[in-house]
Protein backbone atom coordinates (compact mmCIF):
# COMPACT_ATOMS: atom_id res chain seq x y z
CA UNK A 1 -79.66 82.23 -44.99
CA UNK A 2 -80.76 81.75 -48.41
CA UNK A 3 -80.97 78.35 -50.30
CA UNK A 4 -83.22 75.46 -52.44
CA UNK A 5 -86.60 73.24 -52.10
CA UNK A 6 -85.07 69.94 -51.70
CA UNK A 7 -88.32 68.06 -50.84
CA UNK A 8 -92.00 69.66 -50.90
CA UNK A 9 -95.05 66.82 -49.22
CA UNK A 10 -98.49 68.18 -51.04
CA UNK A 11 -99.88 65.63 -48.10
CA UNK A 12 -98.91 67.89 -45.37
CA UNK A 13 -97.27 71.56 -46.50
CA UNK A 14 -93.39 70.11 -44.58
CA UNK A 15 -90.30 70.12 -46.97
CA UNK A 16 -86.85 70.52 -46.72
CA UNK A 17 -84.50 72.96 -47.91
CA UNK A 18 -80.85 72.83 -49.05
CA UNK A 19 -80.00 76.50 -47.53
CA UNK A 20 -76.20 77.95 -48.81
CA UNK A 21 -74.07 76.51 -45.66
CA UNK A 22 -74.81 72.92 -47.14
CA UNK A 23 -77.00 72.24 -43.85
CA UNK A 24 -80.48 71.61 -45.00
CA UNK A 25 -82.80 72.20 -42.33
CA UNK A 26 -87.08 72.01 -42.53
CA UNK A 27 -90.10 73.90 -42.90
CA UNK A 28 -93.91 73.66 -41.68
CA UNK A 29 -96.56 74.81 -43.19
CA UNK A 30 -97.37 77.63 -41.49
CA UNK A 31 -93.58 79.11 -42.27
CA UNK A 32 -94.45 79.50 -45.68
CA UNK A 33 -94.17 83.83 -45.29
CA UNK A 34 -97.23 85.64 -47.09
CA UNK A 35 -95.12 87.75 -49.94
CA UNK A 36 -97.44 86.32 -52.18
CA UNK A 37 -96.25 83.03 -51.91
CA UNK A 38 -98.13 80.68 -50.65
CA UNK A 39 -97.08 77.23 -49.66
CA UNK A 40 -98.73 75.41 -52.59
CA UNK A 41 -97.16 77.90 -54.71
CA UNK A 42 -93.57 75.53 -54.09
CA UNK A 43 -91.88 73.59 -55.88
CA UNK A 44 -88.32 71.52 -55.82
CA UNK A 45 -86.13 73.85 -56.87
CA UNK A 46 -87.23 76.76 -55.62
CA UNK A 47 -84.47 79.02 -54.86
CA UNK A 48 -85.36 80.55 -50.96
CA UNK A 49 -85.27 83.47 -48.51
CA UNK A 50 -85.09 82.20 -44.84
CA UNK A 51 -84.74 82.64 -40.93
CA UNK A 52 -83.92 79.87 -38.53
CA UNK A 53 -85.94 78.57 -35.78
CA UNK A 54 -84.12 76.46 -32.63
CA UNK A 55 -86.28 74.27 -31.84
CA UNK A 56 -85.96 71.82 -29.12
CA UNK A 57 -84.77 68.69 -32.19
CA UNK A 58 -83.65 70.64 -34.65
CA UNK A 59 -83.41 74.34 -36.12
CA UNK A 60 -86.42 74.54 -38.85
CA UNK A 61 -86.90 77.07 -41.00
CA UNK A 62 -89.57 79.95 -40.71
CA UNK A 63 -90.33 82.89 -42.57
CA UNK A 64 -90.34 81.54 -46.17
CA UNK A 65 -89.75 83.71 -48.87
CA UNK A 66 -89.66 82.81 -52.25
CA UNK A 67 -86.69 84.88 -54.09
CA UNK A 68 -86.73 85.44 -58.13
CA UNK A 69 -82.60 83.48 -58.95
CA UNK A 70 -84.12 79.71 -58.89
CA UNK A 71 -81.56 76.45 -59.98
CA UNK A 72 -81.75 74.82 -62.53
């Protein structure tokens, strides 16, 4: 899936992504992929690609990778 980062917490490295299908999903620091992009490099508005992992409460984004096309 693809979407845009809508929130990033510098305190704990978590954040949220607005997916192209209109759903918002969360991600954790450990979910950021290792394609040369660390969690400190993700900012609001960055366009990302990710996979959904279904947990106990709600789906979360994993393997988050920044793409070159950013919003705004």
